[in-house]
PDB file of N, CA and C in Angstrom:
ATOM      1  N   MET A   1       0.813  -1.196   0.000  1.00  0.00           N
ATOM      2  CA  MET A   1       0.000   0.000   0.000  1.00  0.00           C
ATOM      3  C   MET A   1       0.861   1.268   0.000  1.00  0.00           C
ATOM      4  N   LEU A   2       2.034   1.201   0.629  1.00  0.00           N
ATOM      5  CA  LEU A   2       2.889   2.381   0.664  1.00  0.00           C
ATOM      6  C   LEU A   2       3.349   2.792  -0.728  1.00  0.00           C
ATOM      7  N   HIS A   3       3.422   1.834  -1.633  1.00  0.00           N
ATOM      8  CA  HIS A   3       3.866   2.100  -2.995  1.00  0.00           C
ATOM      9  C   HIS A   3       2.981   3.130  -3.694  1.00  0.00           C
ATOM     10  N   TRP A   4       1.717   3.182  -3.310  1.00  0.00           N
ATOM     11  CA  TRP A   4       0.776   4.089  -3.963  1.00  0.00           C
ATOM     12  C   TRP A   4       0.854   5.514  -3.415  1.00  0.00           C
ATOM     13  N   LEU A   5       1.595   5.719  -2.339  1.00  0.00           N
ATOM     14  CA  LEU A   5       1.676   7.033  -1.714  1.00  0.00           C
ATOM     15  C   LEU A   5       2.810   7.860  -2.312  1.00  0.00           C
ATOM     16  N   SER A   6       2.746   9.160  -2.125  1.00  0.00           N
ATOM     17  CA  SER A   6       3.843  10.027  -2.549  1.00  0.00           C
ATOM     18  C   SER A   6       5.025   9.837  -1.597  1.00  0.00           C
ATOM     19  N   GLY A   7       6.175  10.337  -2.001  1.00  0.00           N
ATOM     20  CA  GLY A   7       7.370  10.215  -1.166  1.00  0.00           C
ATOM     21  C   GLY A   7       7.181  10.820   0.211  1.00  0.00           C
ATOM     22  N   THR A   8       6.565  11.997   0.257  1.00  0.00           N
ATOM     23  CA  THR A   8       6.321  12.660   1.538  1.00  0.00           C
ATOM     24  C   THR A   8       5.362  11.850   2.395  1.00  0.00           C
ATOM     25  N   ALA A   9       4.314  11.332   1.797  1.00  0.00           N
ATOM     26  CA  ALA A   9       3.332  10.534   2.537  1.00  0.00           C
ATOM     27  C   ALA A   9       3.966   9.256   3.085  1.00  0.00           C
ATOM     28  N   ILE A  10       4.848   8.648   2.328  1.00  0.00           N
ATOM     29  CA  ILE A  10       5.532   7.442   2.803  1.00  0.00           C
ATOM     30  C   ILE A  10       6.394   7.776   4.011  1.00  0.00           C
ATOM     31  N   LEU A  11       7.141   8.882   3.942  1.00  0.00           N
ATOM     32  CA  LEU A  11       7.984   9.268   5.076  1.00  0.00           C
ATOM     33  C   LEU A  11       7.143   9.592   6.308  1.00  0.00           C
ATOM     34  N   VAL A  12       5.995  10.217   6.117  1.00  0.00           N
ATOM     35  CA  VAL A  12       5.096  10.495   7.240  1.00  0.00           C
ATOM     36  C   VAL A  12       4.574   9.175   7.819  1.00  0.00           C
ATOM     37  N   ALA A  13       4.208   8.231   6.954  1.00  0.00           N
ATOM     38  CA  ALA A  13       3.742   6.917   7.418  1.00  0.00           C
ATOM     39  C   ALA A  13       4.840   6.209   8.211  1.00  0.00           C
ATOM     40  N   ILE A  14       6.074   6.279   7.735  1.00  0.00           N
ATOM     41  CA  ILE A  14       7.189   5.644   8.442  1.00  0.00           C
ATOM     42  C   ILE A  14       7.422   6.331   9.789  1.00  0.00           C
ATOM     43  N   LEU A  15       7.306   7.655   9.828  1.00  0.00           N
ATOM     44  CA  LEU A  15       7.445   8.382  11.092  1.00  0.00           C
ATOM     45  C   LEU A  15       6.371   7.937  12.085  1.00  0.00           C
ATOM     46  N   LEU A  16       5.141   7.813  11.616  1.00  0.00           N
ATOM     47  CA  LEU A  16       4.061   7.343  12.489  1.00  0.00           C
ATOM     48  C   LEU A  16       4.315   5.916  12.957  1.00  0.00           C
ATOM     49  N   MET A  17       4.814   5.079  12.055  1.00  0.00           N
ATOM     50  CA  MET A  17       5.150   3.701  12.427  1.00  0.00           C
ATOM     51  C   MET A  17       6.269   3.686  13.471  1.00  0.00           C
ATOM     52  N   PHE A  18       7.216   4.611  13.364  1.00  0.00           N
ATOM     53  CA  PHE A  18       8.302   4.720  14.339  1.00  0.00           C
ATOM     54  C   PHE A  18       7.723   5.088  15.712  1.00  0.00           C
ATOM     55  N   VAL A  19       6.847   6.086  15.739  1.00  0.00           N
ATOM     56  CA  VAL A  19       6.249   6.526  17.008  1.00  0.00           C
ATOM     57  C   VAL A  19       5.438   5.396  17.645  1.00  0.00           C
ATOM     58  N   VAL A  20       4.626   4.724  16.849  1.00  0.00           N
ATOM     59  CA  VAL A  20       3.862   3.575  17.363  1.00  0.00           C
ATOM     60  C   VAL A  20       4.824   2.489  17.844  1.00  0.00           C
ATOM     61  N   GLY A  21       5.930   2.299  17.118  1.00  0.00           N
ATOM     62  CA  GLY A  21       6.924   1.301  17.505  1.00  0.00           C
ATOM     63  C   GLY A  21       7.577   1.599  18.840  1.00  0.00           C
ATOM     64  N   VAL A  22       7.844   2.875  19.116  1.00  0.00           N
ATOM     65  CA  VAL A  22       8.410   3.251  20.420  1.00  0.00           C
ATOM     66  C   VAL A  22       7.469   2.787  21.524  1.00  0.00           C
ATOM     67  N   TRP A  23       6.199   3.105  21.372  1.00  0.00           N
ATOM     68  CA  TRP A  23       5.206   2.702  22.366  1.00  0.00           C
ATOM     69  C   TRP A  23       5.079   1.172  22.453  1.00  0.00           C
ATOM     70  N   ALA A  24       4.945   0.519  21.306  1.00  0.00           N
ATOM     71  CA  ALA A  24       4.735  -0.936  21.291  1.00  0.00           C
ATOM     72  C   ALA A  24       5.951  -1.686  21.847  1.00  0.00           C
ATOM     73  N   CYS A  25       7.141  -1.254  21.487  1.00  0.00           N
ATOM     74  CA  CYS A  25       8.347  -1.916  21.991  1.00  0.00           C
ATOM     75  C   CYS A  25       8.504  -1.694  23.486  1.00  0.00           C
ATOM     76  N   GLN A  26       8.134  -0.507  23.955  1.00  0.00           N
ATOM     77  CA  GLN A  26       8.183  -0.224  25.394  1.00  0.00           C
ATOM     78  C   GLN A  26       7.230  -1.155  26.147  1.00  0.00           C
ATOM     79  N   CYS A  27       5.986  -1.215  25.681  1.00  0.00           N
ATOM     80  CA  CYS A  27       4.977  -2.071  26.334  1.00  0.00           C
ATOM     81  C   CYS A  27       5.360  -3.542  26.282  1.00  0.00           C
ATOM     82  N   THR A  28       5.817  -3.994  25.127  1.00  0.00           N
ATOM     83  CA  THR A  28       6.177  -5.405  24.960  1.00  0.00           C
ATOM     84  C   THR A  28       7.386  -5.762  25.814  1.00  0.00           C
ATOM     85  N   GLY A  29       8.380  -4.880  25.823  1.00  0.00           N
ATOM     86  CA  GLY A  29       9.564  -5.126  26.647  1.00  0.00           C
ATOM     87  C   GLY A  29       9.210  -5.220  28.118  1.00  0.00           C
ATOM     88  N   GLN A  30       8.346  -4.340  28.583  1.00  0.00           N
ATOM     89  CA  GLN A  30       7.919  -4.382  29.987  1.00  0.00           C
ATOM     90  C   GLN A  30       7.129  -5.649  30.285  1.00  0.00           C
ATOM     91  N   ALA A  31       6.235  -6.020  29.392  1.00  0.00           N
ATOM     92  CA  ALA A  31       5.410  -7.216  29.610  1.00  0.00           C
ATOM     93  C   ALA A  31       6.256  -8.485  29.629  1.00  0.00           C
ATOM     94  N   LEU A  32       7.298  -8.533  28.783  1.00  0.00           N
ATOM     95  CA  LEU A  32       8.141  -9.725  28.710  1.00  0.00           C
ATOM     96  C   LEU A  32       9.283  -9.693  29.718  1.00  0.00           C
ATOM     97  N   GLY A  33       9.561  -8.526  30.249  1.00  0.00           N
ATOM     98  CA  GLY A  33      10.680  -8.400  31.175  1.00  0.00           C
ATOM     99  C   GLY A  33      12.033  -8.371  30.477  1.00  0.00           C
ATOM    100  N   VAL A  34      12.034  -8.182  29.155  1.00  0.00           N
ATOM    101  CA  VAL A  34      13.254  -8.102  28.354  1.00  0.00           C
ATOM    102  C   VAL A  34      13.105  -6.873  27.461  1.00  0.00           C
ATOM    103  N   ALA A  35      13.988  -5.902  27.651  1.00  0.00           N
ATOM    104  CA  ALA A  35      13.835  -4.619  26.959  1.00  0.00           C
ATOM    105  C   ALA A  35      13.847  -4.751  25.443  1.00  0.00           C
ATOM    106  N   ASP A  36      14.784  -5.517  24.905  1.00  0.00           N
ATOM    107  CA  ASP A  36      14.910  -5.642  23.441  1.00  0.00           C
ATOM    108  C   ASP A  36      14.844  -7.122  23.062  1.00  0.00           C
ATOM    109  N   TYR A  37      13.692  -7.712  23.315  1.00  0.00           N
ATOM    110  CA  TYR A  37      13.469  -9.129  23.030  1.00  0.00           C
ATOM    111  C   TYR A  37      13.667  -9.401  21.535  1.00  0.00           C
ATOM    112  N   GLY A  38      14.380 -10.462  21.189  1.00  0.00           N
ATOM    113  CA  GLY A  38      14.701 -10.792  19.804  1.00  0.00           C
ATOM    114  C   GLY A  38      13.484 -11.032  18.921  1.00  0.00           C
ATOM    115  N   GLY A  39      12.372 -11.381  19.511  1.00  0.00           N
ATOM    116  CA  GLY A  39      11.158 -11.619  18.738  1.00  0.00           C
ATOM    117  C   GLY A  39      10.462 -10.342  18.315  1.00  0.00           C
ATOM    118  N   ILE A  40      10.884  -9.221  18.877  1.00  0.00           N
ATOM    119  CA  ILE A  40      10.327  -7.930  18.463  1.00  0.00           C
ATOM    120  C   ILE A  40      11.044  -7.528  17.180  1.00  0.00           C
ATOM    121  N   VAL A  41      10.311  -7.461  16.082  1.00  0.00           N
ATOM    122  CA  VAL A  41      10.928  -7.125  14.793  1.00  0.00           C
ATOM    123  C   VAL A  41      10.356  -5.846  14.173  1.00  0.00           C
ATOM    124  N   TRP A  42       9.448  -5.180  14.892  1.00  0.00           N
ATOM    125  CA  TRP A  42       8.864  -3.956  14.357  1.00  0.00           C
ATOM    126  C   TRP A  42       9.947  -2.924  14.055  1.00  0.00           C
ATOM    127  N   ASP A  43      10.972  -2.868  14.906  1.00  0.00           N
ATOM    128  CA  ASP A  43      12.050  -1.905  14.706  1.00  0.00           C
ATOM    129  C   ASP A  43      12.774  -2.156  13.389  1.00  0.00           C
ATOM    130  N   GLU A  44      13.011  -3.418  13.048  1.00  0.00           N
ATOM    131  CA  GLU A  44      13.646  -3.748  11.771  1.00  0.00           C
ATOM    132  C   GLU A  44      12.736  -3.452  10.583  1.00  0.00           C
ATOM    133  N   ILE A  45      11.458  -3.716  10.743  1.00  0.00           N
ATOM    134  CA  ILE A  45      10.507  -3.474   9.653  1.00  0.00           C
ATOM    135  C   ILE A  45      10.462  -1.984   9.307  1.00  0.00           C
ATOM    136  N   VAL A  46      10.328  -1.150  10.321  1.00  0.00           N
ATOM    137  CA  VAL A  46      10.232   0.295  10.096  1.00  0.00           C
ATOM    138  C   VAL A  46      11.529   0.819   9.490  1.00  0.00           C
ATOM    139  N   ALA A  47      12.657   0.393  10.037  1.00  0.00           N
ATOM    140  CA  ALA A  47      13.954   0.853   9.523  1.00  0.00           C
ATOM    141  C   ALA A  47      14.168   0.392   8.084  1.00  0.00           C
ATOM    142  N   MET A  48      13.807  -0.833   7.780  1.00  0.00           N
ATOM    143  CA  MET A  48      13.993  -1.347   6.422  1.00  0.00           C
ATOM    144  C   MET A  48      13.088  -0.615   5.439  1.00  0.00           C
ATOM    145  N   LEU A  49      11.888  -0.261   5.854  1.00  0.00           N
ATOM    146  CA  LEU A  49      11.008   0.532   4.983  1.00  0.00           C
ATOM    147  C   LEU A  49      11.655   1.869   4.639  1.00  0.00           C
ATOM    148  N   LEU A  50      12.305   2.473   5.620  1.00  0.00           N
ATOM    149  CA  LEU A  50      13.002   3.730   5.363  1.00  0.00           C
ATOM    150  C   LEU A  50      14.126   3.523   4.357  1.00  0.00           C
ATOM    151  N   VAL A  51      14.891   2.463   4.519  1.00  0.00           N
ATOM    152  CA  VAL A  51      15.982   2.167   3.578  1.00  0.00           C
ATOM    153  C   VAL A  51      15.427   1.978   2.171  1.00  0.00           C
ATOM    154  N   LEU A  52      14.318   1.290   2.055  1.00  0.00           N
ATOM    155  CA  LEU A  52      13.736   1.022   0.738  1.00  0.00           C
ATOM    156  C   LEU A  52      13.264   2.294   0.038  1.00  0.00           C
ATOM    157  N   CYS A  53      12.987   3.346   0.796  1.00  0.00           N
ATOM    158  CA  CYS A  53      12.611   4.626   0.180  1.00  0.00           C
ATOM    159  C   CYS A  53      13.752   5.202  -0.658  1.00  0.00           C
ATOM    160  N   PHE A  54      14.960   4.804  -0.366  1.00  0.00           N
ATOM    161  CA  PHE A  54      16.142   5.339  -1.048  1.00  0.00           C
ATOM    162  C   PHE A  54      16.815   4.307  -1.949  1.00  0.00           C
ATOM    163  N   THR A  55      16.151   3.176  -2.150  1.00  0.00           N
ATOM    164  CA  THR A  55      16.722   2.067  -2.910  1.00  0.00           C
ATOM    165  C   THR A  55      16.172   2.054  -4.330  1.00  0.00           C
ATOM    166  N   PRO A  56      17.061   1.985  -5.324  1.00  0.00           N
ATOM    167  CA  PRO A  56      16.570   1.842  -6.704  1.00  0.00           C
ATOM    168  C   PRO A  56      15.689   0.588  -6.813  1.00  0.00           C
ATOM    169  N   PRO A  57      14.595   0.661  -7.584  1.00  0.00           N
ATOM    170  CA  PRO A  57      13.611  -0.422  -7.602  1.00  0.00           C
ATOM    171  C   PRO A  57      13.980  -1.608  -8.489  1.00  0.00           C
ATOM    172  N   THR A  58      15.040  -2.309  -8.094  1.00  0.00           N
ATOM    173  CA  THR A  58      15.383  -3.568  -8.763  1.00  0.00           C
ATOM    174  C   THR A  58      15.688  -4.608  -7.697  1.00  0.00           C
ATOM    175  N   LEU A  59      15.550  -5.855  -8.048  1.00  0.00           N
ATOM    176  CA  LEU A  59      15.792  -6.938  -7.092  1.00  0.00           C
ATOM    177  C   LEU A  59      17.219  -6.886  -6.553  1.00  0.00           C
ATOM    178  N   VAL A  60      18.190  -6.629  -7.407  1.00  0.00           N
ATOM    179  CA  VAL A  60      19.585  -6.579  -6.960  1.00  0.00           C
ATOM    180  C   VAL A  60      19.772  -5.493  -5.912  1.00  0.00           C
ATOM    181  N   TRP A  61      19.219  -4.306  -6.163  1.00  0.00           N
ATOM    182  CA  TRP A  61      19.355  -3.221  -5.193  1.00  0.00           C
ATOM    183  C   TRP A  61      18.594  -3.523  -3.907  1.00  0.00           C
ATOM    184  N   TYR A  62      17.445  -4.193  -3.999  1.00  0.00           N
ATOM    185  CA  TYR A  62      16.717  -4.572  -2.785  1.00  0.00           C
ATOM    186  C   TYR A  62      17.559  -5.508  -1.919  1.00  0.00           C
ATOM    187  N   VAL A  63      18.231  -6.451  -2.547  1.00  0.00           N
ATOM    188  CA  VAL A  63      19.104  -7.376  -1.811  1.00  0.00           C
ATOM    189  C   VAL A  63      20.269  -6.614  -1.182  1.00  0.00           C
ATOM    190  N   VAL A  64      20.888  -5.729  -1.960  1.00  0.00           N
ATOM    191  CA  VAL A  64      21.996  -4.921  -1.440  1.00  0.00           C
ATOM    192  C   VAL A  64      21.518  -4.084  -0.252  1.00  0.00           C
ATOM    193  N   ALA A  65      20.354  -3.467  -0.372  1.00  0.00           N
ATOM    194  CA  ALA A  65      19.804  -2.644   0.708  1.00  0.00           C
ATOM    195  C   ALA A  65      19.584  -3.472   1.968  1.00  0.00           C
ATOM    196  N   PHE A  66      19.004  -4.650   1.803  1.00  0.00           N
ATOM    197  CA  PHE A  66      18.761  -5.522   2.952  1.00  0.00           C
ATOM    198  C   PHE A  66      20.075  -5.933   3.603  1.00  0.00           C
ATOM    199  N   LEU A  67      21.041  -6.341   2.798  1.00  0.00           N
ATOM    200  CA  LEU A  67      22.327  -6.777   3.352  1.00  0.00           C
ATOM    201  C   LEU A  67      23.050  -5.636   4.062  1.00  0.00           C
ATOM    202  N   LEU A  68      23.017  -4.449   3.488  1.00  0.00           N
ATOM    203  CA  LEU A  68      23.651  -3.309   4.150  1.00  0.00           C
ATOM    204  C   LEU A  68      22.973  -2.996   5.482  1.00  0.00           C
ATOM    205  N   PHE A  69      21.646  -2.988   5.479  1.00  0.00           N
ATOM    206  CA  PHE A  69      20.944  -2.712   6.730  1.00  0.00           C
ATOM    207  C   PHE A  69      21.288  -3.757   7.787  1.00  0.00           C
ATOM    208  N   ARG A  70      21.249  -5.021   7.412  1.00  0.00           N
ATOM    209  CA  ARG A  70      21.553  -6.086   8.387  1.00  0.00           C
ATOM    210  C   ARG A  70      23.001  -5.998   8.871  1.00  0.00           C
ATOM    211  N   LEU A  71      23.923  -5.660   7.951  1.00  0.00           N
ATOM    212  CA  LEU A  71      25.323  -5.508   8.340  1.00  0.00           C
ATOM    213  C   LEU A  71      25.455  -4.477   9.469  1.00  0.00           C
ATOM    214  N   PHE A  72      24.871  -3.293   9.277  1.00  0.00           N
ATOM    215  CA  PHE A  72      24.994  -2.248  10.280  1.00  0.00           C
ATOM    216  C   PHE A  72      24.174  -2.538  11.527  1.00  0.00           C
ATOM    217  N   ASP A  73      23.053  -3.237  11.377  1.00  0.00           N
ATOM    218  CA  ASP A  73      22.226  -3.597  12.525  1.00  0.00           C
ATOM    219  C   ASP A  73      22.935  -4.617  13.416  1.00  0.00           C
ATOM    220  N   ILE A  74      23.714  -5.504  12.822  1.00  0.00           N
ATOM    221  CA  ILE A  74      24.438  -6.523  13.588  1.00  0.00           C
ATOM    222  C   ILE A  74      25.788  -6.000  14.076  1.00  0.00           C
ATOM    223  N   TRP A  75      26.544  -5.352  13.193  1.00  0.00           N
ATOM    224  CA  TRP A  75      27.880  -4.875  13.506  1.00  0.00           C
ATOM    225  C   TRP A  75      27.848  -3.734  14.534  1.00  0.00           C
ATOM    226  N   LYS A  76      26.905  -2.835  14.397  1.00  0.00           N
ATOM    227  CA  LYS A  76      26.685  -1.700  15.285  1.00  0.00           C
ATOM    228  C   LYS A  76      27.916  -0.801  15.451  1.00  0.00           C
ATOM    229  N   PRO A  77      28.431  -0.245  14.340  1.00  0.00           N
ATOM    230  CA  PRO A  77      29.537   0.708  14.478  1.00  0.00           C
ATOM    231  C   PRO A  77      29.037   1.977  15.191  1.00  0.00           C
ATOM    232  N   PHE A  78      29.987   2.768  15.699  1.00  0.00           N
ATOM    233  CA  PHE A  78      29.619   4.003  16.384  1.00  0.00           C
ATOM    234  C   PHE A  78      28.812   4.905  15.455  1.00  0.00           C
ATOM    235  N   PRO A  79      27.780   5.502  15.894  1.00  0.00           N
ATOM    236  CA  PRO A  79      27.187   5.571  17.233  1.00  0.00           C
ATOM    237  C   PRO A  79      26.083   4.548  17.487  1.00  0.00           C
ATOM    238  N   ILE A  80      25.900   3.594  16.569  1.00  0.00           N
ATOM    239  CA  ILE A  80      24.814   2.613  16.727  1.00  0.00           C
ATOM    240  C   ILE A  80      25.002   1.800  18.006  1.00  0.00           C
ATOM    241  N   GLY A  81      26.201   1.265  18.203  1.00  0.00           N
ATOM    242  CA  GLY A  81      26.473   0.462  19.401  1.00  0.00           C
ATOM    243  C   GLY A  81      26.310   1.273  20.679  1.00  0.00           C
ATOM    244  N   TYR A  82      26.770   2.514  20.637  1.00  0.00           N
ATOM    245  CA  TYR A  82      26.623   3.396  21.795  1.00  0.00           C
ATOM    246  C   TYR A  82      25.143   3.591  22.120  1.00  0.00           C
ATOM    247  N   ALA A  83      24.343   3.892  21.102  1.00  0.00           N
ATOM    248  CA  ALA A  83      22.908   4.084  21.304  1.00  0.00           C
ATOM    249  C   ALA A  83      22.264   2.807  21.832  1.00  0.00           C
ATOM    250  N   ASP A  84      22.676   1.673  21.298  1.00  0.00           N
ATOM    251  CA  ASP A  84      22.116   0.385  21.718  1.00  0.00           C
ATOM    252  C   ASP A  84      22.385   0.128  23.208  1.00  0.00           C
ATOM    253  N   ARG A  85      23.562   0.527  23.668  1.00  0.00           N
ATOM    254  CA  ARG A  85      23.936   0.291  25.071  1.00  0.00           C
ATOM    255  C   ARG A  85      23.402   1.349  26.037  1.00  0.00           C
ATOM    256  N   HIS A  86      23.179   2.567  25.557  1.00  0.00           N
ATOM    257  CA  HIS A  86      22.884   3.666  26.476  1.00  0.00           C
ATOM    258  C   HIS A  86      21.469   4.247  26.380  1.00  0.00           C
ATOM    259  N   ILE A  87      20.769   3.990  25.313  1.00  0.00           N
ATOM    260  CA  ILE A  87      19.402   4.514  25.188  1.00  0.00           C
ATOM    261  C   ILE A  87      18.453   3.334  25.370  1.00  0.00           C
ATOM    262  N   HIS A  88      17.642   3.422  26.395  1.00  0.00           N
ATOM    263  CA  HIS A  88      16.818   2.277  26.781  1.00  0.00           C
ATOM    264  C   HIS A  88      15.339   2.517  26.474  1.00  0.00           C
ATOM    265  N   GLY A  89      14.565   1.516  26.743  1.00  0.00           N
ATOM    266  CA  GLY A  89      13.124   1.600  26.535  1.00  0.00           C
ATOM    267  C   GLY A  89      12.759   1.452  25.067  1.00  0.00           C
ATOM    268  N   GLY A  90      11.521   1.742  24.773  1.00  0.00           N
ATOM    269  CA  GLY A  90      11.024   1.603  23.408  1.00  0.00           C
ATOM    270  C   GLY A  90      11.765   2.479  22.419  1.00  0.00           C
ATOM    271  N   PHE A  91      12.135   3.708  22.852  1.00  0.00           N
ATOM    272  CA  PHE A  91      12.864   4.590  21.949  1.00  0.00           C
ATOM    273  C   PHE A  91      14.230   3.991  21.612  1.00  0.00           C
ATOM    274  N   GLY A  92      14.903   3.419  22.573  1.00  0.00           N
ATOM    275  CA  GLY A  92      16.210   2.802  22.332  1.00  0.00           C
ATOM    276  C   GLY A  92      16.122   1.636  21.362  1.00  0.00           C
ATOM    277  N   VAL A  93      15.073   0.825  21.515  1.00  0.00           N
ATOM    278  CA  VAL A  93      14.871  -0.319  20.613  1.00  0.00           C
ATOM    279  C   VAL A  93      14.725   0.169  19.177  1.00  0.00           C
ATOM    280  N   MET A  94      13.962   1.233  18.995  1.00  0.00           N
ATOM    281  CA  MET A  94      13.712   1.759  17.650  1.00  0.00           C
ATOM    282  C   MET A  94      14.893   2.571  17.118  1.00  0.00           C
ATOM    283  N   PHE A  95      15.563   3.311  17.991  1.00  0.00           N
ATOM    284  CA  PHE A  95      16.567   4.276  17.551  1.00  0.00           C
ATOM    285  C   PHE A  95      17.816   3.634  16.964  1.00  0.00           C
ATOM    286  N   ASP A  96      18.300   2.545  17.554  1.00  0.00           N
ATOM    287  CA  ASP A  96      19.517   1.932  16.999  1.00  0.00           C
ATOM    288  C   ASP A  96      19.271   1.388  15.593  1.00  0.00           C
ATOM    289  N   ASP A  97      18.064   0.932  15.327  1.00  0.00           N
ATOM    290  CA  ASP A  97      17.745   0.472  13.966  1.00  0.00           C
ATOM    291  C   ASP A  97      17.602   1.643  13.002  1.00  0.00           C
ATOM    292  N   LEU A  98      17.111   2.767  13.489  1.00  0.00           N
ATOM    293  CA  LEU A  98      17.054   3.970  12.664  1.00  0.00           C
ATOM    294  C   LEU A  98      18.470   4.392  12.257  1.00  0.00           C
ATOM    295  N   LEU A  99      19.404   4.340  13.198  1.00  0.00           N
ATOM    296  CA  LEU A  99      20.799   4.674  12.878  1.00  0.00           C
ATOM    297  C   LEU A  99      21.386   3.696  11.861  1.00  0.00           C
ATOM    298  N   ALA A 100      21.100   2.404  12.025  1.00  0.00           N
ATOM    299  CA  ALA A 100      21.576   1.407  11.059  1.00  0.00           C
ATOM    300  C   ALA A 100      20.983   1.690   9.679  1.00  0.00           C
ATOM    301  N   ALA A 101      19.728   2.125   9.647  1.00  0.00           N
ATOM    302  CA  ALA A 101      19.095   2.474   8.369  1.00  0.00           C
ATOM    303  C   ALA A 101      19.800   3.661   7.725  1.00  0.00           C
ATOM    304  N   ILE A 102      20.151   4.655   8.521  1.00  0.00           N
ATOM    305  CA  ILE A 102      20.848   5.824   7.980  1.00  0.00           C
ATOM    306  C   ILE A 102      22.196   5.426   7.398  1.00  0.00           C
ATOM    307  N   TYR A 103      22.947   4.583   8.081  1.00  0.00           N
ATOM    308  CA  TYR A 103      24.219   4.083   7.553  1.00  0.00           C
ATOM    309  C   TYR A 103      23.992   3.366   6.221  1.00  0.00           C
ATOM    310  N   ALA A 104      22.973   2.499   6.180  1.00  0.00           N
ATOM    311  CA  ALA A 104      22.687   1.749   4.950  1.00  0.00           C
ATOM    312  C   ALA A 104      22.298   2.693   3.815  1.00  0.00           C
ATOM    313  N   ILE A 105      21.509   3.705   4.121  1.00  0.00           N
ATOM    314  CA  ILE A 105      21.090   4.667   3.096  1.00  0.00           C
ATOM    315  C   ILE A 105      22.294   5.419   2.542  1.00  0.00           C
ATOM    316  N   VAL A 106      23.178   5.862   3.409  1.00  0.00           N
ATOM    317  CA  VAL A 106      24.375   6.578   2.953  1.00  0.00           C
ATOM    318  C   VAL A 106      25.197   5.683   2.029  1.00  0.00           C
ATOM    319  N   CYS A 107      25.397   4.438   2.427  1.00  0.00           N
ATOM    320  CA  CYS A 107      26.154   3.502   1.574  1.00  0.00           C
ATOM    321  C   CYS A 107      25.456   3.259   0.244  1.00  0.00           C
ATOM    322  N   LEU A 108      24.138   3.084   0.283  1.00  0.00           N
ATOM    323  CA  LEU A 108      23.372   2.886  -0.949  1.00  0.00           C
ATOM    324  C   LEU A 108      23.527   4.068  -1.894  1.00  0.00           C
ATOM    325  N   LEU A 109      23.367   5.270  -1.353  1.00  0.00           N
ATOM    326  CA  LEU A 109      23.480   6.459  -2.191  1.00  0.00           C
ATOM    327  C   LEU A 109      24.879   6.588  -2.799  1.00  0.00           C
ATOM    328  N   LEU A 110      25.893   6.227  -2.026  1.00  0.00           N
ATOM    329  CA  LEU A 110      27.264   6.254  -2.566  1.00  0.00           C
ATOM    330  C   LEU A 110      27.442   5.204  -3.666  1.00  0.00           C
ATOM    331  N   LEU A 111      26.915   4.005  -3.442  1.00  0.00           N
ATOM    332  CA  LEU A 111      27.024   2.953  -4.452  1.00  0.00           C
ATOM    333  C   LEU A 111      26.298   3.351  -5.740  1.00  0.00           C
ATOM    334  N   VAL A 112      25.127   3.940  -5.604  1.00  0.00           N
ATOM    335  CA  VAL A 112      24.372   4.388  -6.770  1.00  0.00           C
ATOM    336  C   VAL A 112      25.165   5.498  -7.487  1.00  0.00           C
ATOM    337  N   GLN A 113      25.676   6.450  -6.720  1.00  0.00           N
ATOM    338  CA  GLN A 113      26.430   7.567  -7.291  1.00  0.00           C
ATOM    339  C   GLN A 113      27.665   7.060  -8.069  1.00  0.00           C
ATOM    340  N   TRP A 114      28.329   6.065  -7.503  1.00  0.00           N
ATOM    341  CA  TRP A 114      29.532   5.515  -8.138  1.00  0.00           C
ATOM    342  C   TRP A 114      29.207   4.542  -9.271  1.00  0.00           C
ATOM    343  N   GLY A 115      27.933   4.207  -9.462  1.00  0.00           N
ATOM    344  CA  GLY A 115      27.529   3.295 -10.527  1.00  0.00           C
ATOM    345  C   GLY A 115      28.030   1.877 -10.343  1.00  0.00           C
ATOM    346  N   VAL A 116      28.069   1.420  -9.092  1.00  0.00           N
ATOM    347  CA  VAL A 116      28.616   0.096  -8.788  1.00  0.00           C
ATOM    348  C   VAL A 116      27.804  -1.016  -9.426  1.00  0.00           C
ATOM    349  N   ILE A 117      26.486  -0.894  -9.398  1.00  0.00           N
ATOM    350  CA  ILE A 117      25.639  -1.967  -9.941  1.00  0.00           C
ATOM    351  C   ILE A 117      24.877  -1.405 -11.126  1.00  0.00           C
TER     352      ILE A 117
END
């Protein structure tokens, strides 16, 4: 459904999904007694949607975008790792994935600019 929206509308939808995710991750973490339970994937979904907004629409680029996002989400270079360790609650769960998305977007834009694929 997001495909039918304008670029601005998609970004607004992702922002709303981020805000809802902060609340949902906070509630779920409290209910489970684990702040960033591995079964919570809303943070990855929202972040990946943001990455896809900047991804050229081909299967190869979608794979590259996914791999870049996962690389930064797992590796957690500064400041992602710092945020992961120091920002808690629902916002912390969502924020480190947002940072990983930004890293992936920057890399994607550089790869596109350089004509790598």
